[in-house]
Amino acid sequence: MQNNKLFTPPEHVHFLAQKLYDKGNLLDCSIAYLQQNGGGPLQNHTHAHNHLFIVTEGEAEIKLDDKSIILRKNESYLVNGTIPHSVWNHAEQVTVMIGINIMPE
C-alpha cells in the first residue's frame, strides 16, 4: 500500500497520520537496520506468511520473482510470502524499515 495521503483523526489537533496497513492477522513485528549494500537473504526465499515492509529512513529494494519494487521513506509494500523475494538497502546510508509478518486471510 504505497499511500502518502495524510489525515487528521477525529478529535485530534496538529496531528497528521498516514495509514500504512489495515488488514490481516499479525504474527510479529521487527525493526531492521540495513547497512549500505546490506539485505537478504542471498537467495530469494518463500514461506507461508506475508511481509508488510515499511521504510522509515533511506530506501529499500524488494526483489520479487520477476520484478523489483523501490520503497522510499514512509512507503509500504505487502509481499506475498509465496512469491520468491528478498529485501536490500537501495541507499548510500543506513535504511531503517519495519517488517510485520502477517498470515494470509
N, C-alpha and C. Protein backbone atom coordinates (compact mmCIF):
# COMPACT_ATOMS: atom_id res chain seq x y z
N MET A 1 0.86 -1.16 0.00
CA MET A 1 0.00 0.00 0.00
C MET A 1 0.91 1.23 0.00
N GLN A 2 1.25 1.72 -1.14
CA GLN A 2 2.04 2.93 -1.22
C GLN A 2 1.07 4.10 -1.26
N ASN A 3 0.81 4.68 -0.10
CA ASN A 3 -0.19 5.73 0.02
C ASN A 3 0.39 6.84 0.89
N ASN A 4 0.54 8.01 0.33
CA ASN A 4 1.12 9.12 1.07
C ASN A 4 0.07 10.11 1.53
N LYS A 5 -1.19 9.69 1.60
CA LYS A 5 -2.26 10.58 2.00
C LYS A 5 -2.27 10.76 3.51
N LEU A 6 -2.05 11.99 3.95
CA LEU A 6 -2.07 12.31 5.38
C LEU A 6 -3.47 12.74 5.78
N PHE A 7 -3.84 12.42 7.03
CA PHE A 7 -5.16 12.82 7.52
C PHE A 7 -5.05 13.15 9.01
N THR A 8 -6.02 13.87 9.50
CA THR A 8 -6.12 14.17 10.93
C THR A 8 -7.29 13.38 11.49
N PRO A 9 -7.02 12.48 12.43
CA PRO A 9 -8.12 11.69 13.00
C PRO A 9 -9.10 12.59 13.76
N PRO A 10 -10.34 12.13 13.93
CA PRO A 10 -11.32 12.91 14.69
C PRO A 10 -10.81 13.19 16.11
N GLU A 11 -11.13 14.37 16.62
CA GLU A 11 -10.77 14.79 17.97
C GLU A 11 -9.26 14.98 18.18
N HIS A 12 -8.50 15.16 17.11
CA HIS A 12 -7.06 15.42 17.20
C HIS A 12 -6.78 16.82 16.65
N VAL A 13 -5.72 17.45 17.13
CA VAL A 13 -5.30 18.75 16.60
C VAL A 13 -3.79 18.71 16.36
N HIS A 14 -3.34 19.42 15.32
CA HIS A 14 -1.92 19.46 14.97
C HIS A 14 -1.34 18.06 14.92
N PHE A 15 -2.08 17.16 14.30
CA PHE A 15 -1.76 15.73 14.29
C PHE A 15 -2.02 15.22 12.89
N LEU A 16 -0.98 14.75 12.21
CA LEU A 16 -1.14 14.16 10.89
C LEU A 16 -0.75 12.70 10.96
N ALA A 17 -1.54 11.85 10.34
CA ALA A 17 -1.28 10.42 10.33
C ALA A 17 -1.30 9.91 8.90
N GLN A 18 -0.69 8.77 8.70
CA GLN A 18 -0.71 8.11 7.40
C GLN A 18 -0.98 6.63 7.64
N LYS A 19 -2.10 6.14 7.15
CA LYS A 19 -2.43 4.72 7.30
C LYS A 19 -1.50 3.92 6.40
N LEU A 20 -0.84 2.93 6.98
CA LEU A 20 0.08 2.10 6.22
C LEU A 20 -0.52 0.74 5.87
N TYR A 21 -1.33 0.20 6.77
CA TYR A 21 -1.92 -1.11 6.52
C TYR A 21 -3.04 -1.35 7.51
N ASP A 22 -4.12 -1.99 7.05
CA ASP A 22 -5.25 -2.19 7.96
C ASP A 22 -5.97 -3.52 7.75
N LYS A 23 -5.20 -4.57 7.37
CA LYS A 23 -5.81 -5.88 7.13
C LYS A 23 -4.93 -6.98 7.70
N GLY A 24 -5.42 -8.20 7.77
CA GLY A 24 -4.61 -9.37 8.06
C GLY A 24 -4.47 -9.73 9.52
N ASN A 25 -3.86 -10.87 9.74
CA ASN A 25 -3.59 -11.42 11.06
C ASN A 25 -2.11 -11.25 11.36
N LEU A 26 -1.78 -10.34 12.25
CA LEU A 26 -0.39 -10.02 12.54
C LEU A 26 0.26 -11.13 13.36
N LEU A 27 1.48 -11.54 12.97
CA LEU A 27 2.24 -12.54 13.71
C LEU A 27 3.26 -11.88 14.62
N ASP A 28 4.08 -11.00 14.05
CA ASP A 28 5.09 -10.29 14.81
C ASP A 28 5.56 -9.08 14.02
N CYS A 29 6.39 -8.27 14.68
CA CYS A 29 6.85 -7.02 14.08
C CYS A 29 8.30 -6.80 14.49
N SER A 30 9.14 -6.38 13.55
CA SER A 30 10.56 -6.13 13.82
C SER A 30 10.98 -4.83 13.17
N ILE A 31 12.08 -4.27 13.66
CA ILE A 31 12.71 -3.13 13.01
C ILE A 31 14.07 -3.62 12.52
N ALA A 32 14.44 -3.23 11.31
CA ALA A 32 15.70 -3.67 10.72
C ALA A 32 16.53 -2.46 10.30
N TYR A 33 17.84 -2.58 10.47
CA TYR A 33 18.79 -1.55 10.07
C TYR A 33 19.67 -2.17 9.00
N LEU A 34 19.42 -1.81 7.74
CA LEU A 34 20.16 -2.37 6.63
C LEU A 34 21.33 -1.45 6.29
N GLN A 35 22.54 -1.93 6.51
CA GLN A 35 23.73 -1.16 6.19
C GLN A 35 23.85 -1.02 4.68
N GLN A 36 24.72 -0.15 4.23
CA GLN A 36 24.94 0.03 2.79
C GLN A 36 25.30 -1.32 2.18
N ASN A 37 24.66 -1.68 1.08
CA ASN A 37 24.81 -2.96 0.38
C ASN A 37 24.29 -4.14 1.18
N GLY A 38 23.55 -3.89 2.27
CA GLY A 38 23.04 -4.98 3.10
C GLY A 38 21.66 -5.43 2.69
N GLY A 39 21.30 -6.60 3.14
CA GLY A 39 19.98 -7.14 2.88
C GLY A 39 20.00 -8.65 2.88
N GLY A 40 18.96 -9.23 2.33
CA GLY A 40 18.94 -10.68 2.25
C GLY A 40 17.52 -11.23 2.19
N PRO A 41 17.45 -12.55 2.15
CA PRO A 41 18.56 -13.46 2.09
C PRO A 41 19.26 -13.42 0.73
N LEU A 42 20.45 -14.07 0.66
CA LEU A 42 21.23 -14.03 -0.58
C LEU A 42 20.47 -14.64 -1.75
N GLN A 43 19.70 -15.69 -1.48
CA GLN A 43 18.83 -16.29 -2.48
C GLN A 43 17.39 -15.96 -2.10
N ASN A 44 16.58 -15.53 -3.07
CA ASN A 44 15.17 -15.28 -2.78
C ASN A 44 14.56 -16.50 -2.10
N HIS A 45 13.64 -16.28 -1.17
CA HIS A 45 13.02 -17.37 -0.43
C HIS A 45 11.51 -17.21 -0.42
N THR A 46 10.82 -18.26 0.02
CA THR A 46 9.37 -18.25 0.14
C THR A 46 8.98 -18.83 1.50
N HIS A 47 7.74 -18.57 1.92
CA HIS A 47 7.18 -19.11 3.15
C HIS A 47 5.69 -18.83 3.17
N ALA A 48 5.00 -19.36 4.18
CA ALA A 48 3.53 -19.24 4.23
C ALA A 48 3.05 -17.85 4.58
N HIS A 49 3.80 -17.11 5.40
CA HIS A 49 3.33 -15.78 5.83
C HIS A 49 3.78 -14.69 4.86
N ASN A 50 3.08 -13.55 4.94
CA ASN A 50 3.40 -12.38 4.12
C ASN A 50 4.21 -11.39 4.96
N HIS A 51 4.90 -10.48 4.27
CA HIS A 51 5.63 -9.41 4.94
C HIS A 51 5.02 -8.07 4.56
N LEU A 52 4.79 -7.23 5.53
CA LEU A 52 4.50 -5.83 5.26
C LEU A 52 5.76 -5.07 5.61
N PHE A 53 6.42 -4.48 4.62
CA PHE A 53 7.63 -3.70 4.83
C PHE A 53 7.28 -2.22 4.81
N ILE A 54 7.77 -1.47 5.79
CA ILE A 54 7.56 -0.03 5.89
C ILE A 54 8.93 0.62 6.07
N VAL A 55 9.33 1.49 5.14
CA VAL A 55 10.62 2.16 5.24
C VAL A 55 10.44 3.45 6.03
N THR A 56 11.28 3.63 7.07
CA THR A 56 11.22 4.86 7.87
C THR A 56 12.40 5.79 7.59
N GLU A 57 13.49 5.25 7.06
CA GLU A 57 14.66 6.04 6.65
C GLU A 57 15.31 5.33 5.48
N GLY A 58 15.84 6.10 4.52
CA GLY A 58 16.54 5.51 3.39
C GLY A 58 15.60 4.99 2.32
N GLU A 59 16.08 3.98 1.60
CA GLU A 59 15.30 3.34 0.54
C GLU A 59 15.60 1.85 0.55
N ALA A 60 14.58 1.06 0.28
CA ALA A 60 14.74 -0.39 0.20
C ALA A 60 14.32 -0.88 -1.18
N GLU A 61 15.00 -1.90 -1.67
CA GLU A 61 14.61 -2.57 -2.90
C GLU A 61 14.11 -3.95 -2.53
N ILE A 62 12.86 -4.22 -2.88
CA ILE A 62 12.29 -5.53 -2.66
C ILE A 62 12.39 -6.27 -3.99
N LYS A 63 13.18 -7.34 -3.97
CA LYS A 63 13.33 -8.16 -5.18
C LYS A 63 12.31 -9.27 -5.12
N LEU A 64 11.46 -9.28 -6.13
CA LEU A 64 10.43 -10.31 -6.24
C LEU A 64 10.83 -11.23 -7.39
N ASP A 65 10.12 -12.30 -7.56
CA ASP A 65 10.45 -13.31 -8.56
C ASP A 65 10.84 -12.70 -9.90
N ASP A 66 10.04 -11.76 -10.41
CA ASP A 66 10.29 -11.23 -11.75
C ASP A 66 10.34 -9.71 -11.82
N LYS A 67 10.40 -9.03 -10.66
CA LYS A 67 10.44 -7.57 -10.67
C LYS A 67 11.05 -7.05 -9.38
N SER A 68 11.31 -5.75 -9.36
CA SER A 68 11.81 -5.08 -8.16
C SER A 68 10.90 -3.91 -7.82
N ILE A 69 10.73 -3.67 -6.53
CA ILE A 69 9.95 -2.54 -6.03
C ILE A 69 10.89 -1.69 -5.18
N ILE A 70 10.92 -0.38 -5.43
CA ILE A 70 11.72 0.53 -4.61
C ILE A 70 10.76 1.23 -3.64
N LEU A 71 11.07 1.11 -2.35
CA LEU A 71 10.30 1.79 -1.32
C LEU A 71 11.12 2.93 -0.76
N ARG A 72 10.52 4.10 -0.68
CA ARG A 72 11.16 5.26 -0.11
C ARG A 72 10.59 5.53 1.28
N LYS A 73 11.14 6.51 1.96
CA LYS A 73 10.70 6.84 3.31
C LYS A 73 9.18 7.00 3.37
N ASN A 74 8.56 6.40 4.37
CA ASN A 74 7.11 6.45 4.62
C ASN A 74 6.28 5.74 3.56
N GLU A 75 6.88 4.81 2.84
CA GLU A 75 6.13 3.97 1.91
C GLU A 75 6.13 2.54 2.44
N SER A 76 5.11 1.79 2.04
CA SER A 76 4.98 0.41 2.47
C SER A 76 4.62 -0.48 1.29
N TYR A 77 4.90 -1.77 1.47
CA TYR A 77 4.56 -2.74 0.42
C TYR A 77 4.31 -4.08 1.08
N LEU A 78 3.25 -4.76 0.68
CA LEU A 78 2.92 -6.08 1.18
C LEU A 78 3.48 -7.13 0.22
N VAL A 79 4.38 -7.96 0.73
CA VAL A 79 5.00 -9.02 -0.06
C VAL A 79 4.25 -10.33 0.21
N ASN A 80 3.76 -10.95 -0.84
CA ASN A 80 3.15 -12.27 -0.74
C ASN A 80 4.28 -13.27 -0.47
N GLY A 81 4.24 -13.95 0.67
CA GLY A 81 5.32 -14.84 1.06
C GLY A 81 5.54 -16.02 0.13
N THR A 82 4.55 -16.36 -0.70
CA THR A 82 4.71 -17.49 -1.61
C THR A 82 5.45 -17.11 -2.89
N ILE A 83 5.71 -15.82 -3.08
CA ILE A 83 6.49 -15.35 -4.24
C ILE A 83 7.95 -15.23 -3.78
N PRO A 84 8.90 -15.81 -4.51
CA PRO A 84 10.31 -15.69 -4.12
C PRO A 84 10.68 -14.22 -3.95
N HIS A 85 11.34 -13.89 -2.81
CA HIS A 85 11.62 -12.49 -2.51
C HIS A 85 12.84 -12.34 -1.60
N SER A 86 13.39 -11.14 -1.62
CA SER A 86 14.43 -10.70 -0.69
C SER A 86 14.34 -9.18 -0.61
N VAL A 87 15.05 -8.58 0.36
CA VAL A 87 14.99 -7.13 0.53
C VAL A 87 16.41 -6.60 0.73
N TRP A 88 16.72 -5.47 0.09
CA TRP A 88 18.07 -4.91 0.07
C TRP A 88 18.03 -3.41 0.26
N ASN A 89 19.09 -2.89 0.88
CA ASN A 89 19.25 -1.44 1.01
C ASN A 89 19.49 -0.87 -0.39
N HIS A 90 18.79 0.20 -0.72
CA HIS A 90 18.91 0.84 -2.02
C HIS A 90 19.42 2.27 -1.88
N ALA A 91 20.05 2.58 -0.73
CA ALA A 91 20.51 3.94 -0.44
C ALA A 91 22.00 3.91 -0.07
N GLU A 92 22.61 5.06 -0.08
CA GLU A 92 24.01 5.19 0.33
C GLU A 92 24.10 5.55 1.80
N GLN A 93 23.13 5.14 2.57
CA GLN A 93 23.07 5.36 4.01
C GLN A 93 22.37 4.14 4.61
N VAL A 94 22.30 4.07 5.91
CA VAL A 94 21.54 3.00 6.56
C VAL A 94 20.07 3.18 6.22
N THR A 95 19.42 2.10 5.84
CA THR A 95 17.98 2.11 5.63
C THR A 95 17.34 1.44 6.83
N VAL A 96 16.33 2.10 7.37
CA VAL A 96 15.60 1.57 8.53
C VAL A 96 14.21 1.20 8.05
N MET A 97 13.81 -0.01 8.38
CA MET A 97 12.48 -0.45 7.96
C MET A 97 11.84 -1.32 9.03
N ILE A 98 10.52 -1.26 9.04
CA ILE A 98 9.70 -2.09 9.90
C ILE A 98 9.24 -3.27 9.06
N GLY A 99 9.32 -4.46 9.64
CA GLY A 99 8.82 -5.66 8.97
C GLY A 99 7.75 -6.30 9.84
N ILE A 100 6.56 -6.43 9.29
CA ILE A 100 5.45 -7.03 10.01
C ILE A 100 5.08 -8.32 9.28
N ASN A 101 5.11 -9.43 10.01
CA ASN A 101 4.74 -10.71 9.43
C ASN A 101 3.25 -10.94 9.64
N ILE A 102 2.56 -11.32 8.56
CA ILE A 102 1.11 -11.42 8.56
C ILE A 102 0.70 -12.75 7.92
N MET A 103 -0.15 -13.48 8.58
CA MET A 103 -0.71 -14.69 7.97
C MET A 103 -1.78 -14.28 6.97
N PRO A 104 -1.81 -14.93 5.81
CA PRO A 104 -2.85 -14.61 4.83
C PRO A 104 -4.23 -14.89 5.40
N GLU A 105 -5.21 -14.15 4.92
CA GLU A 105 -6.61 -14.35 5.39
C GLU A 105 -7.22 -15.53 4.70
